[in-house]
């Protein structure tokens, strides 16, 4: 609900070049979001307890694949339900 208020404040009805003004504001917001995403650290294969720590190391790929396979096999439902 912030952006409509911002747009009306910056480009009130009747102002000149409303689409250009709103477009430039939207472009600036998108550029900031893109830079944030580009510079963010990758958290893939990092233990949840280590997130936020500057010295966090990713889990080795072999360990990650083993843990992932175990988790997926544990989560599967049995084929037949005992009566």
N, C-alpha and C. Protein backbone atom coordinates (compact mmCIF):
# COMPACT_ATOMS: atom_id res chain seq x y z
N UNK A 1 0.82 -1.18 0.00
CA UNK A 1 0.00 0.00 0.00
C UNK A 1 0.87 1.26 0.00
N UNK A 2 2.17 1.10 0.10
CA UNK A 2 3.05 2.26 0.11
C UNK A 2 3.21 2.87 -1.29
N UNK A 3 3.34 2.02 -2.30
CA UNK A 3 3.62 2.54 -3.64
C UNK A 3 2.50 3.41 -4.21
N UNK A 4 1.22 3.06 -4.08
CA UNK A 4 0.20 3.97 -4.59
C UNK A 4 0.25 5.35 -3.93
N UNK A 5 0.50 5.39 -2.63
CA UNK A 5 0.60 6.68 -1.93
C UNK A 5 1.82 7.45 -2.45
N UNK A 6 2.93 6.75 -2.63
CA UNK A 6 4.14 7.39 -3.16
C UNK A 6 3.90 7.92 -4.57
N UNK A 7 3.25 7.13 -5.41
CA UNK A 7 3.00 7.56 -6.78
C UNK A 7 2.10 8.79 -6.83
N UNK A 8 1.05 8.82 -6.00
CA UNK A 8 0.15 9.98 -5.99
C UNK A 8 0.86 11.21 -5.44
N UNK A 9 1.75 11.01 -4.48
CA UNK A 9 2.50 12.14 -3.92
C UNK A 9 3.48 12.71 -4.94
N UNK A 10 4.17 11.85 -5.65
CA UNK A 10 5.19 12.29 -6.60
C UNK A 10 4.56 12.78 -7.90
N UNK A 11 3.51 12.12 -8.35
CA UNK A 11 2.86 12.49 -9.61
C UNK A 11 1.36 12.59 -9.39
N UNK A 12 0.89 13.71 -8.83
CA UNK A 12 -0.55 13.84 -8.56
C UNK A 12 -1.35 13.90 -9.87
N UNK A 13 -2.64 13.60 -9.79
CA UNK A 13 -3.47 13.67 -11.00
C UNK A 13 -3.35 15.04 -11.66
N UNK A 14 -3.18 15.04 -12.96
CA UNK A 14 -3.05 16.28 -13.71
C UNK A 14 -1.61 16.71 -13.93
N UNK A 15 -0.66 16.05 -13.31
CA UNK A 15 0.76 16.40 -13.49
C UNK A 15 1.22 15.95 -14.88
N UNK A 16 2.29 16.56 -15.34
CA UNK A 16 2.84 16.21 -16.65
C UNK A 16 3.69 14.95 -16.55
N UNK A 17 3.67 14.15 -17.59
CA UNK A 17 4.52 12.96 -17.69
C UNK A 17 4.33 11.98 -16.54
N UNK A 18 3.11 11.71 -16.16
CA UNK A 18 2.86 10.76 -15.07
C UNK A 18 3.41 9.37 -15.40
N UNK A 19 3.17 8.82 -16.60
CA UNK A 19 3.72 7.49 -16.88
C UNK A 19 5.25 7.45 -16.80
N UNK A 20 5.91 8.51 -17.25
CA UNK A 20 7.37 8.54 -17.19
C UNK A 20 7.85 8.60 -15.74
N UNK A 21 7.21 9.41 -14.93
CA UNK A 21 7.59 9.54 -13.52
C UNK A 21 7.40 8.22 -12.79
N UNK A 22 6.24 7.61 -12.96
CA UNK A 22 5.96 6.34 -12.29
C UNK A 22 6.89 5.26 -12.82
N UNK A 23 7.13 5.27 -14.11
CA UNK A 23 8.04 4.29 -14.71
C UNK A 23 9.45 4.41 -14.18
N UNK A 24 9.94 5.63 -14.02
CA UNK A 24 11.30 5.82 -13.50
C UNK A 24 11.40 5.39 -12.04
N UNK A 25 10.37 5.67 -11.25
CA UNK A 25 10.37 5.21 -9.85
C UNK A 25 10.38 3.68 -9.80
N UNK A 26 9.55 3.06 -10.63
CA UNK A 26 9.49 1.60 -10.68
C UNK A 26 10.82 1.02 -11.15
N UNK A 27 11.44 1.63 -12.15
CA UNK A 27 12.74 1.18 -12.63
C UNK A 27 13.79 1.28 -11.53
N UNK A 28 13.79 2.38 -10.79
CA UNK A 28 14.77 2.55 -9.70
C UNK A 28 14.58 1.47 -8.63
N UNK A 29 13.34 1.18 -8.29
CA UNK A 29 13.07 0.13 -7.29
C UNK A 29 13.55 -1.22 -7.80
N UNK A 30 13.31 -1.50 -9.09
CA UNK A 30 13.75 -2.77 -9.67
C UNK A 30 15.28 -2.87 -9.71
N UNK A 31 15.95 -1.77 -10.00
CA UNK A 31 17.42 -1.77 -10.03
C UNK A 31 17.98 -2.06 -8.64
N UNK A 32 17.41 -1.44 -7.62
CA UNK A 32 17.85 -1.69 -6.24
C UNK A 32 17.63 -3.16 -5.89
N UNK A 33 16.48 -3.71 -6.25
CA UNK A 33 16.20 -5.13 -5.97
C UNK A 33 17.16 -6.05 -6.72
N UNK A 34 17.46 -5.72 -7.97
CA UNK A 34 18.38 -6.54 -8.76
C UNK A 34 19.79 -6.51 -8.18
N UNK A 35 20.25 -5.34 -7.77
CA UNK A 35 21.58 -5.24 -7.16
C UNK A 35 21.62 -6.02 -5.86
N UNK A 36 20.56 -5.94 -5.09
CA UNK A 36 20.51 -6.70 -3.83
C UNK A 36 20.58 -8.19 -4.09
N UNK A 37 19.84 -8.67 -5.09
CA UNK A 37 19.87 -10.10 -5.41
C UNK A 37 21.23 -10.51 -5.97
N UNK A 38 21.84 -9.66 -6.76
CA UNK A 38 23.13 -9.98 -7.37
C UNK A 38 24.24 -10.07 -6.33
N UNK A 39 24.20 -9.22 -5.32
CA UNK A 39 25.28 -9.18 -4.33
C UNK A 39 25.01 -10.05 -3.11
N UNK A 40 23.84 -10.65 -3.01
CA UNK A 40 23.52 -11.48 -1.84
C UNK A 40 24.34 -12.77 -1.87
N UNK A 41 24.68 -13.25 -0.71
CA UNK A 41 25.44 -14.49 -0.61
C UNK A 41 24.54 -15.67 -0.91
N UNK A 42 25.09 -16.68 -1.55
CA UNK A 42 24.35 -17.90 -1.86
C UNK A 42 24.24 -18.73 -0.58
N UNK A 43 23.05 -19.20 -0.28
CA UNK A 43 22.84 -19.98 0.93
C UNK A 43 22.56 -21.45 0.63
N UNK A 44 22.69 -21.85 -0.63
CA UNK A 44 22.46 -23.24 -1.01
C UNK A 44 23.52 -24.12 -0.34
N UNK A 45 23.11 -25.18 0.28
CA UNK A 45 23.96 -26.17 0.95
C UNK A 45 24.60 -25.63 2.23
N UNK A 46 24.13 -24.53 2.76
CA UNK A 46 24.63 -24.02 4.04
C UNK A 46 23.66 -24.49 5.12
N UNK A 47 24.20 -25.04 6.21
CA UNK A 47 23.34 -25.49 7.31
C UNK A 47 22.52 -24.32 7.84
N UNK A 48 21.29 -24.60 8.24
CA UNK A 48 20.41 -23.54 8.72
C UNK A 48 21.00 -22.87 9.96
N UNK A 49 21.68 -23.62 10.81
CA UNK A 49 22.27 -23.04 12.01
C UNK A 49 23.41 -22.08 11.69
N UNK A 50 24.00 -22.21 10.50
CA UNK A 50 25.12 -21.35 10.12
C UNK A 50 24.70 -20.12 9.33
N UNK A 51 23.43 -20.01 8.97
CA UNK A 51 22.98 -18.85 8.20
C UNK A 51 23.19 -17.58 9.02
N UNK A 52 23.70 -16.55 8.38
CA UNK A 52 23.96 -15.28 9.04
C UNK A 52 25.37 -15.16 9.57
N UNK A 53 26.11 -16.26 9.61
CA UNK A 53 27.50 -16.21 10.07
C UNK A 53 28.40 -15.89 8.87
N UNK A 54 29.30 -14.92 9.02
CA UNK A 54 30.16 -14.56 7.89
C UNK A 54 31.09 -15.68 7.45
N UNK A 55 31.45 -16.59 8.35
CA UNK A 55 32.39 -17.66 8.01
C UNK A 55 31.70 -18.98 7.70
N UNK A 56 30.41 -18.97 7.40
CA UNK A 56 29.66 -20.19 7.11
C UNK A 56 30.17 -20.82 5.82
N UNK A 57 30.38 -22.12 5.87
CA UNK A 57 30.87 -22.86 4.70
C UNK A 57 29.76 -23.78 4.20
N UNK A 58 29.62 -23.92 2.89
CA UNK A 58 28.63 -24.86 2.36
C UNK A 58 29.02 -26.30 2.66
N UNK A 59 28.01 -27.15 2.77
CA UNK A 59 28.24 -28.57 2.99
C UNK A 59 28.83 -29.14 1.70
N UNK A 60 29.82 -30.04 1.80
CA UNK A 60 30.35 -30.66 0.57
C UNK A 60 29.23 -31.32 -0.23
N UNK A 61 29.37 -31.29 -1.55
CA UNK A 61 28.31 -31.78 -2.43
C UNK A 61 27.94 -33.23 -2.14
N UNK A 62 28.92 -34.08 -1.88
CA UNK A 62 28.63 -35.49 -1.61
C UNK A 62 27.77 -35.64 -0.35
N UNK A 63 28.14 -34.91 0.71
CA UNK A 63 27.36 -34.97 1.95
C UNK A 63 25.96 -34.42 1.74
N UNK A 64 25.86 -33.34 0.97
CA UNK A 64 24.56 -32.75 0.70
C UNK A 64 23.66 -33.74 -0.03
N UNK A 65 24.20 -34.38 -1.07
CA UNK A 65 23.40 -35.35 -1.84
C UNK A 65 22.97 -36.53 -0.96
N UNK A 66 23.86 -37.01 -0.09
CA UNK A 66 23.53 -38.11 0.81
C UNK A 66 22.43 -37.71 1.78
N UNK A 67 22.57 -36.54 2.41
CA UNK A 67 21.55 -36.07 3.36
C UNK A 67 20.22 -35.83 2.67
N UNK A 68 20.27 -35.30 1.47
CA UNK A 68 19.03 -35.03 0.73
C UNK A 68 18.32 -36.33 0.37
N UNK A 69 19.07 -37.32 -0.10
CA UNK A 69 18.47 -38.61 -0.44
C UNK A 69 17.86 -39.27 0.79
N UNK A 70 18.55 -39.19 1.93
CA UNK A 70 18.02 -39.78 3.16
C UNK A 70 16.74 -39.07 3.59
N UNK A 71 16.74 -37.77 3.52
CA UNK A 71 15.55 -37.01 3.92
C UNK A 71 14.37 -37.34 3.02
N UNK A 72 14.61 -37.42 1.72
CA UNK A 72 13.53 -37.75 0.80
C UNK A 72 13.02 -39.17 1.00
N UNK A 73 13.93 -40.11 1.27
CA UNK A 73 13.47 -41.49 1.48
C UNK A 73 12.71 -41.62 2.80
N UNK A 74 13.11 -40.87 3.82
CA UNK A 74 12.39 -40.90 5.10
C UNK A 74 11.01 -40.26 4.98
N UNK A 75 10.86 -39.32 4.06
CA UNK A 75 9.60 -38.60 3.93
C UNK A 75 8.57 -39.34 3.09
N UNK A 76 8.98 -40.36 2.35
CA UNK A 76 8.04 -41.10 1.49
C UNK A 76 7.09 -41.92 2.34
N UNK A 77 5.86 -41.96 1.90
CA UNK A 77 4.86 -42.77 2.58
C UNK A 77 5.02 -44.23 2.14
N UNK A 78 4.71 -45.16 3.03
CA UNK A 78 4.79 -46.57 2.63
C UNK A 78 3.78 -46.86 1.51
N UNK A 79 4.13 -47.84 0.65
CA UNK A 79 3.25 -48.19 -0.46
C UNK A 79 1.93 -48.77 0.01
N UNK A 80 1.98 -49.60 1.05
CA UNK A 80 0.77 -50.24 1.55
C UNK A 80 0.60 -49.90 3.02
N UNK A 81 -0.62 -49.65 3.39
CA UNK A 81 -0.91 -49.35 4.78
C UNK A 81 -1.35 -50.64 5.45
N UNK A 82 -0.75 -50.95 6.59
CA UNK A 82 -1.12 -52.17 7.32
C UNK A 82 -2.53 -52.03 7.86
N UNK A 83 -3.30 -53.11 7.74
CA UNK A 83 -4.69 -53.06 8.20
C UNK A 83 -4.83 -53.50 9.63
